[in-house]
Amino acid sequence: MHLKAINIALFAGFLISGTAQASWDLTATATSDYLFNGVTQTDGDPALQFIANKNFDSGWYAGGFASNVDFGDDTWLELDAFGGRYWQINDEIGVELGALYYSYYGDGSDINYGETTAAVDISDFRFQLWYAWDYAGSDAKHLVAAVSYQVYSDGKNGVNVGFNQSRSLDSEDFQWDTRDHYNHAWIAYDRNWQQWNFMVSYNHTTLSSDWGGGNTLAANVTYTF
């Protein structure tokens, strides 16, 4: 079975905005390929995705995510819930703790799982970990470690780079391809225009093509309501 790889989409933490405003954020995204830690979740096909999240003045946030998926079986829908808290320590440093739950509909209910996350923002860097105690229903403990860097931003244009590693902590229960881990590196350019965001990313993973790895160029457009 073609299994999932990190925390929703290209930037493993883009759901967790770290803002401190009491507001609802509603977005719709059309993407050429739903990538999760560089691994396609739609067999290389497009996806339509929706996010609704609430940010509170205290730093707490909560919300949900929906997307079509294609794992080569009858699983067709992913619905996720997430929540947590963000602390802005000073102008340069922020800290975040959160939790997520991934659920699938069709043949995929046996791969539903929960995950916790912790992140530190230091200037233009973000360091983040995700830990699952029953990864994709495999009984394996699983860890993802990531670092990303905002190379450039002028408020309208942005360039970001990142690296993450997905690692099974119980390789007898779950392996990536024939190993206990794989690596994913990416670079992305995005452009904001009014309520629209346009993004192009280049992704490379060390997985074989049988696991949806290799090199992938993806594009998406997001509208914020």
C-alpha atoms as a PDB file:
ATOM      1  CA  MET A   1       0.000   0.000   0.000  1.00  0.00           C
ATOM      2  CA  HIS A   2       1.217   3.490  -0.818  1.00  0.00           C
ATOM      3  CA  LEU A   3       1.428   5.133   2.606  1.00  0.00           C
ATOM      4  CA  LYS A   4       1.556   8.706   3.788  1.00  0.00           C
ATOM      5  CA  ALA A   5       4.643  10.575   4.688  1.00  0.00           C
ATOM      6  CA  ILE A   6       4.409  13.806   6.993  1.00  0.00           C
ATOM      7  CA  ASN A   7       2.241  16.449   7.910  1.00  0.00           C
ATOM      8  CA  ILE A   8       0.031  17.603   5.149  1.00  0.00           C
ATOM      9  CA  ALA A   9       1.517  18.930   1.962  1.00  0.00           C
ATOM     10  CA  LEU A  10       4.866  20.405   1.045  1.00  0.00           C
ATOM     11  CA  PHE A  11       5.638  22.432   4.168  1.00  0.00           C
ATOM     12  CA  ALA A  12       5.087  20.168   7.063  1.00  0.00           C
ATOM     13  CA  GLY A  13       3.740  22.910   9.224  1.00  0.00           C
ATOM     14  CA  PHE A  14       1.958  25.232   6.915  1.00  0.00           C
ATOM     15  CA  LEU A  15      -1.299  24.480   8.723  1.00  0.00           C
ATOM     16  CA  ILE A  16       0.174  25.881  11.897  1.00  0.00           C
ATOM     17  CA  SER A  17       0.445  29.540  11.111  1.00  0.00           C
ATOM     18  CA  GLY A  18       1.856  30.792  14.376  1.00  0.00           C
ATOM     19  CA  THR A  19      -0.285  33.916  14.202  1.00  0.00           C
ATOM     20  CA  ALA A  20      -1.849  35.464  17.283  1.00  0.00           C
ATOM     21  CA  GLN A  21      -4.994  36.923  15.788  1.00  0.00           C
ATOM     22  CA  ALA A  22      -8.514  35.914  16.792  1.00  0.00           C
ATOM     23  CA  SER A  23      -9.756  35.122  13.307  1.00  0.00           C
ATOM     24  CA  TRP A  24     -10.946  32.382  10.989  1.00  0.00           C
ATOM     25  CA  ASP A  25      -8.734  31.495   8.038  1.00  0.00           C
ATOM     26  CA  LEU A  26     -10.406  29.678   5.141  1.00  0.00           C
ATOM     27  CA  THR A  27      -8.382  28.597   2.100  1.00  0.00           C
ATOM     28  CA  ALA A  28      -8.911  26.517  -1.030  1.00  0.00           C
ATOM     29  CA  THR A  29      -5.962  25.092  -2.976  1.00  0.00           C
ATOM     30  CA  ALA A  30      -5.689  23.456  -6.390  1.00  0.00           C
ATOM     31  CA  THR A  31      -2.390  21.588  -6.778  1.00  0.00           C
ATOM     32  CA  SER A  32      -0.865  19.639  -9.642  1.00  0.00           C
ATOM     33  CA  ASP A  33       0.232  16.885  -7.218  1.00  0.00           C
ATOM     34  CA  TYR A  34      -0.517  16.440  -3.507  1.00  0.00           C
ATOM     35  CA  LEU A  35       2.953  16.005  -2.029  1.00  0.00           C
ATOM     36  CA  PHE A  36       3.465  14.953   1.570  1.00  0.00           C
ATOM     37  CA  ASN A  37       7.172  15.095   2.462  1.00  0.00           C
ATOM     38  CA  GLY A  38       7.891  14.902  -1.248  1.00  0.00           C
ATOM     39  CA  VAL A  39       5.793  11.762  -1.777  1.00  0.00           C
ATOM     40  CA  THR A  40       2.701  11.929  -3.963  1.00  0.00           C
ATOM     41  CA  GLN A  41      -0.595  11.168  -2.250  1.00  0.00           C
ATOM     42  CA  THR A  42      -2.579  11.287  -5.510  1.00  0.00           C
ATOM     43  CA  ASP A  43      -0.497   9.006  -7.762  1.00  0.00           C
ATOM     44  CA  GLY A  44       0.879  12.091  -9.497  1.00  0.00           C
ATOM     45  CA  ASP A  45      -2.568  13.541 -10.226  1.00  0.00           C
ATOM     46  CA  PRO A  46      -4.049  16.931  -9.182  1.00  0.00           C
ATOM     47  CA  ALA A  47      -5.808  17.543  -5.883  1.00  0.00           C
ATOM     48  CA  LEU A  48      -8.337  20.013  -4.509  1.00  0.00           C
ATOM     49  CA  GLN A  49      -7.763  20.900  -0.855  1.00  0.00           C
ATOM     50  CA  PHE A  50      -9.509  22.958   1.821  1.00  0.00           C
ATOM     51  CA  ILE A  51      -8.285  24.290   5.166  1.00  0.00           C
ATOM     52  CA  ALA A  52     -10.307  25.984   7.911  1.00  0.00           C
ATOM     53  CA  ASN A  53      -8.500  27.132  11.034  1.00  0.00           C
ATOM     54  CA  LYS A  54      -9.163  29.442  13.941  1.00  0.00           C
ATOM     55  CA  ASN A  55      -6.403  31.501  15.550  1.00  0.00           C
ATOM     56  CA  PHE A  56      -6.980  32.923  19.019  1.00  0.00           C
ATOM     57  CA  ASP A  57      -5.425  35.962  20.707  1.00  0.00           C
ATOM     58  CA  SER A  58      -3.873  33.660  23.317  1.00  0.00           C
ATOM     59  CA  GLY A  59      -1.860  31.797  20.664  1.00  0.00           C
ATOM     60  CA  TRP A  60      -4.116  28.715  20.544  1.00  0.00           C
ATOM     61  CA  TYR A  61      -5.283  27.456  17.161  1.00  0.00           C
ATOM     62  CA  ALA A  62      -7.454  24.620  15.802  1.00  0.00           C
ATOM     63  CA  GLY A  63      -8.785  23.541  12.448  1.00  0.00           C
ATOM     64  CA  GLY A  64      -9.211  20.935   9.754  1.00  0.00           C
ATOM     65  CA  PHE A  65      -7.908  19.896   6.337  1.00  0.00           C
ATOM     66  CA  ALA A  66      -9.548  17.975   3.454  1.00  0.00           C
ATOM     67  CA  SER A  67      -8.095  16.585   0.214  1.00  0.00           C
ATOM     68  CA  ASN A  68      -8.695  13.896  -2.368  1.00  0.00           C
ATOM     69  CA  VAL A  69      -6.093  11.094  -2.347  1.00  0.00           C
ATOM     70  CA  ASP A  70      -5.204   8.056  -4.475  1.00  0.00           C
ATOM     71  CA  PHE A  71      -3.185   5.232  -2.919  1.00  0.00           C
ATOM     72  CA  GLY A  72      -3.990   2.687  -5.633  1.00  0.00           C
ATOM     73  CA  ASP A  73      -6.979   1.282  -3.747  1.00  0.00           C
ATOM     74  CA  ASP A  74     -10.463   2.612  -2.981  1.00  0.00           C
ATOM     75  CA  THR A  75      -9.227   5.250  -0.519  1.00  0.00           C
ATOM     76  CA  TRP A  76     -10.283   8.604  -1.985  1.00  0.00           C
ATOM     77  CA  LEU A  77     -10.600  11.184   0.816  1.00  0.00           C
ATOM     78  CA  GLU A  78      -8.387  12.488   3.600  1.00  0.00           C
ATOM     79  CA  LEU A  79      -9.834  14.504   6.486  1.00  0.00           C
ATOM     80  CA  ASP A  80      -7.488  15.796   9.192  1.00  0.00           C
ATOM     81  CA  ALA A  81      -7.886  17.719  12.429  1.00  0.00           C
ATOM     82  CA  PHE A  82      -5.179  19.762  14.135  1.00  0.00           C
ATOM     83  CA  GLY A  83      -4.680  22.053  17.099  1.00  0.00           C
ATOM     84  CA  GLY A  84      -2.017  23.551  19.302  1.00  0.00           C
ATOM     85  CA  ARG A  85      -0.471  26.690  20.677  1.00  0.00           C
ATOM     86  CA  TYR A  86       2.171  29.172  19.503  1.00  0.00           C
ATOM     87  CA  TRP A  87       4.250  31.376  21.812  1.00  0.00           C
ATOM     88  CA  GLN A  88       6.062  34.441  20.423  1.00  0.00           C
ATOM     89  CA  ILE A  89       9.018  34.704  22.787  1.00  0.00           C
ATOM     90  CA  ASN A  90      10.520  37.829  21.216  1.00  0.00           C
ATOM     91  CA  ASP A  91      10.965  39.383  17.765  1.00  0.00           C
ATOM     92  CA  GLU A  92      13.266  36.563  16.642  1.00  0.00           C
ATOM     93  CA  ILE A  93      12.075  33.436  18.485  1.00  0.00           C
ATOM     94  CA  GLY A  94       8.778  31.536  18.555  1.00  0.00           C
ATOM     95  CA  VAL A  95       7.833  28.127  19.983  1.00  0.00           C
ATOM     96  CA  GLU A  96       4.979  25.826  18.972  1.00  0.00           C
ATOM     97  CA  LEU A  97       3.371  22.633  20.288  1.00  0.00           C
ATOM     98  CA  GLY A  98       0.569  20.839  18.463  1.00  0.00           C
ATOM     99  CA  ALA A  99      -1.236  17.624  17.620  1.00  0.00           C
ATOM    100  CA  LEU A 100      -2.793  16.227  14.433  1.00  0.00           C
ATOM    101  CA  TYR A 101      -5.069  13.348  13.497  1.00  0.00           C
ATOM    102  CA  TYR A 102      -5.119  11.919   9.946  1.00  0.00           C
ATOM    103  CA  SER A 103      -8.190   9.985   8.781  1.00  0.00           C
ATOM    104  CA  TYR A 104      -8.955   8.328   5.437  1.00  0.00           C
ATOM    105  CA  TYR A 105     -12.162   7.229   3.772  1.00  0.00           C
ATOM    106  CA  GLY A 106     -12.707   4.360   1.366  1.00  0.00           C
ATOM    107  CA  ASP A 107     -10.359   1.478   2.134  1.00  0.00           C
ATOM    108  CA  GLY A 108      -8.038   3.610   4.237  1.00  0.00           C
ATOM    109  CA  SER A 109      -9.542   3.593   7.730  1.00  0.00           C
ATOM    110  CA  ASP A 110      -6.906   1.088   8.884  1.00  0.00           C
ATOM    111  CA  ILE A 111      -4.165   3.697   8.315  1.00  0.00           C
ATOM    112  CA  ASN A 112      -5.710   6.459  10.455  1.00  0.00           C
ATOM    113  CA  TYR A 113      -3.235   7.786  13.015  1.00  0.00           C
ATOM    114  CA  GLY A 114      -2.365  10.610  15.394  1.00  0.00           C
ATOM    115  CA  GLU A 115       0.771  12.690  15.637  1.00  0.00           C
ATOM    116  CA  THR A 116       2.339  15.321  17.894  1.00  0.00           C
ATOM    117  CA  THR A 117       4.582  18.167  16.756  1.00  0.00           C
ATOM    118  CA  ALA A 118       6.996  20.687  18.277  1.00  0.00           C
ATOM    119  CA  ALA A 119       8.718  23.573  16.501  1.00  0.00           C
ATOM    120  CA  VAL A 120      11.096  26.449  17.151  1.00  0.00           C
ATOM    121  CA  ASP A 121      11.326  29.522  14.906  1.00  0.00           C
ATOM    122  CA  ILE A 122      14.613  31.397  15.043  1.00  0.00           C
ATOM    123  CA  SER A 123      14.717  34.394  12.733  1.00  0.00           C
ATOM    124  CA  ASP A 124      14.110  32.965   9.216  1.00  0.00           C
ATOM    125  CA  PHE A 125      14.703  29.327  10.262  1.00  0.00           C
ATOM    126  CA  ARG A 126      12.142  26.784  11.461  1.00  0.00           C
ATOM    127  CA  PHE A 127      13.154  23.547  13.205  1.00  0.00           C
ATOM    128  CA  GLN A 128      10.342  21.017  13.660  1.00  0.00           C
ATOM    129  CA  LEU A 129       9.688  17.447  14.826  1.00  0.00           C
ATOM    130  CA  TRP A 130       6.650  15.188  14.323  1.00  0.00           C
ATOM    131  CA  TYR A 131       6.182  12.004  16.351  1.00  0.00           C
ATOM    132  CA  ALA A 132       3.601   9.256  15.701  1.00  0.00           C
ATOM    133  CA  TRP A 133       3.176   6.316  18.094  1.00  0.00           C
ATOM    134  CA  ASP A 134       1.237   4.149  15.595  1.00  0.00           C
ATOM    135  CA  TYR A 135       2.309   5.370  12.186  1.00  0.00           C
ATOM    136  CA  ALA A 136      -0.338   4.715   9.505  1.00  0.00           C
ATOM    137  CA  GLY A 137      -1.750   1.852  11.577  1.00  0.00           C
ATOM    138  CA  SER A 138       1.530  -0.096  11.378  1.00  0.00           C
ATOM    139  CA  ASP A 139       2.213  -0.226  15.168  1.00  0.00           C
ATOM    140  CA  ALA A 140       5.542   1.472  14.417  1.00  0.00           C
ATOM    141  CA  LYS A 141       6.750   4.583  16.191  1.00  0.00           C
ATOM    142  CA  HIS A 142       7.766   7.192  13.620  1.00  0.00           C
ATOM    143  CA  LEU A 143       9.713  10.457  13.670  1.00  0.00           C
ATOM    144  CA  VAL A 144      10.069  13.275  11.150  1.00  0.00           C
ATOM    145  CA  ALA A 145      12.726  15.970  11.626  1.00  0.00           C
ATOM    146  CA  ALA A 146      12.701  19.073   9.428  1.00  0.00           C
ATOM    147  CA  VAL A 147      14.464  22.367   8.943  1.00  0.00           C
ATOM    148  CA  SER A 148      13.348  25.139   6.589  1.00  0.00           C
ATOM    149  CA  TYR A 149      14.756  28.558   5.744  1.00  0.00           C
ATOM    150  CA  GLN A 150      13.166  31.611   4.170  1.00  0.00           C
ATOM    151  CA  VAL A 151      15.815  32.708   1.695  1.00  0.00           C
ATOM    152  CA  TYR A 152      13.949  35.783   0.470  1.00  0.00           C
ATOM    153  CA  SER A 153      10.694  37.626   1.082  1.00  0.00           C
ATOM    154  CA  ASP A 154       9.500  41.080   0.134  1.00  0.00           C
ATOM    155  CA  GLY A 155       5.881  40.600   1.151  1.00  0.00           C
ATOM    156  CA  LYS A 156       4.831  39.570  -2.342  1.00  0.00           C
ATOM    157  CA  ASN A 157       7.560  37.187  -3.505  1.00  0.00           C
ATOM    158  CA  GLY A 158       9.204  34.475  -1.452  1.00  0.00           C
ATOM    159  CA  VAL A 159      11.850  31.768  -1.821  1.00  0.00           C
ATOM    160  CA  ASN A 160      12.084  28.934   0.717  1.00  0.00           C
ATOM    161  CA  VAL A 161      14.278  25.855   1.008  1.00  0.00           C
ATOM    162  CA  GLY A 162      13.982  22.887   3.329  1.00  0.00           C
ATOM    163  CA  PHE A 163      15.085  19.387   4.283  1.00  0.00           C
ATOM    164  CA  ASN A 164      13.337  16.677   6.279  1.00  0.00           C
ATOM    165  CA  GLN A 165      13.946  13.070   7.184  1.00  0.00           C
ATOM    166  CA  SER A 166      11.206  10.516   7.847  1.00  0.00           C
ATOM    167  CA  ARG A 167      12.368   7.646  10.047  1.00  0.00           C
ATOM    168  CA  SER A 168      10.683   4.501  11.336  1.00  0.00           C
ATOM    169  CA  LEU A 169      11.706   3.785  14.929  1.00  0.00           C
ATOM    170  CA  ASP A 170      10.385   0.208  14.621  1.00  0.00           C
ATOM    171  CA  SER A 171      11.700  -0.989  11.270  1.00  0.00           C
ATOM    172  CA  GLU A 172      10.404  -4.513  11.835  1.00  0.00           C
ATOM    173  CA  ASP A 173       6.846  -3.121  11.697  1.00  0.00           C
ATOM    174  CA  PHE A 174       7.345  -0.454   9.024  1.00  0.00           C
ATOM    175  CA  GLN A 175      10.039   0.458   6.509  1.00  0.00           C
ATOM    176  CA  TRP A 176      10.395   3.120   3.863  1.00  0.00           C
ATOM    177  CA  ASP A 177      11.156   1.165   0.694  1.00  0.00           C
ATOM    178  CA  THR A 178      13.859  -1.202   2.001  1.00  0.00           C
ATOM    179  CA  ARG A 179      15.245   1.115   4.703  1.00  0.00           C
ATOM    180  CA  ASP A 180      14.150   2.628   7.973  1.00  0.00           C
ATOM    181  CA  HIS A 181      14.241   6.219   6.633  1.00  0.00           C
ATOM    182  CA  TYR A 182      14.280   8.472   3.600  1.00  0.00           C
ATOM    183  CA  ASN A 183      15.261  12.106   2.954  1.00  0.00           C
ATOM    184  CA  HIS A 184      13.356  14.894   1.238  1.00  0.00           C
ATOM    185  CA  ALA A 185      14.787  18.236   0.071  1.00  0.00           C
ATOM    186  CA  TRP A 186      12.864  21.047  -1.614  1.00  0.00           C
ATOM    187  CA  ILE A 187      12.998  24.587  -2.919  1.00  0.00           C
ATOM    188  CA  ALA A 188       9.898  26.690  -3.539  1.00  0.00           C
ATOM    189  CA  TYR A 189       8.996  30.058  -5.013  1.00  0.00           C
ATOM    190  CA  ASP A 190       5.690  31.716  -4.174  1.00  0.00           C
ATOM    191  CA  ARG A 191       3.940  34.894  -5.261  1.00  0.00           C
ATOM    192  CA  ASN A 192       1.145  36.677  -3.379  1.00  0.00           C
ATOM    193  CA  TRP A 193      -1.418  38.775  -5.229  1.00  0.00           C
ATOM    194  CA  GLN A 194      -4.413  40.118  -3.332  1.00  0.00           C
ATOM    195  CA  GLN A 195      -6.139  36.994  -1.915  1.00  0.00           C
ATOM    196  CA  TRP A 196      -4.221  34.599  -4.179  1.00  0.00           C
ATOM    197  CA  ASN A 197      -0.976  32.737  -3.667  1.00  0.00           C
ATOM    198  CA  PHE A 198       0.868  30.978  -6.509  1.00  0.00           C
ATOM    199  CA  MET A 199       3.632  28.476  -5.747  1.00  0.00           C
ATOM    200  CA  VAL A 200       6.068  26.301  -7.701  1.00  0.00           C
ATOM    201  CA  SER A 201       8.291  23.781  -5.915  1.00  0.00           C
ATOM    202  CA  TYR A 202      10.988  21.309  -6.861  1.00  0.00           C
ATOM    203  CA  ASN A 203      11.202  18.231  -4.628  1.00  0.00           C
ATOM    204  CA  HIS A 204      13.718  15.398  -4.372  1.00  0.00           C
ATOM    205  CA  THR A 205      13.413  12.271  -2.222  1.00  0.00           C
ATOM    206  CA  THR A 206      15.735   9.293  -1.769  1.00  0.00           C
ATOM    207  CA  LEU A 207      12.849   6.828  -2.189  1.00  0.00           C
ATOM    208  CA  SER A 208      12.524   4.681  -5.291  1.00  0.00           C
ATOM    209  CA  SER A 209       9.922   5.450  -7.932  1.00  0.00           C
ATOM    210  CA  ASP A 210       7.879   2.479  -6.696  1.00  0.00           C
ATOM    211  CA  TRP A 211       7.299   4.459  -3.509  1.00  0.00           C
ATOM    212  CA  GLY A 212       6.527   7.700  -5.309  1.00  0.00           C
ATOM    213  CA  GLY A 213      10.020   9.069  -4.810  1.00  0.00           C
ATOM    214  CA  GLY A 214      12.555  10.730  -7.071  1.00  0.00           C
ATOM    215  CA  ASN A 215      12.225  14.247  -8.475  1.00  0.00           C
ATOM    216  CA  THR A 216       8.901  16.087  -8.649  1.00  0.00           C
ATOM    217  CA  LEU A 217       7.963  19.558  -9.869  1.00  0.00           C
ATOM    218  CA  ALA A 218       4.663  20.730  -8.409  1.00  0.00           C
ATOM    219  CA  ALA A 219       2.552  23.878  -8.773  1.00  0.00           C
ATOM    220  CA  ASN A 220      -0.427  25.117  -6.822  1.00  0.00           C
ATOM    221  CA  VAL A 221      -2.708  28.088  -6.458  1.00  0.00           C
ATOM    222  CA  THR A 222      -4.400  29.040  -3.161  1.00  0.00           C
ATOM    223  CA  TYR A 223      -7.271  31.421  -2.542  1.00  0.00           C
ATOM    224  CA  THR A 224      -7.885  32.845   0.940  1.00  0.00           C
ATOM    225  CA  PHE A 225     -11.478  33.782   1.693  1.00  0.00           C
END
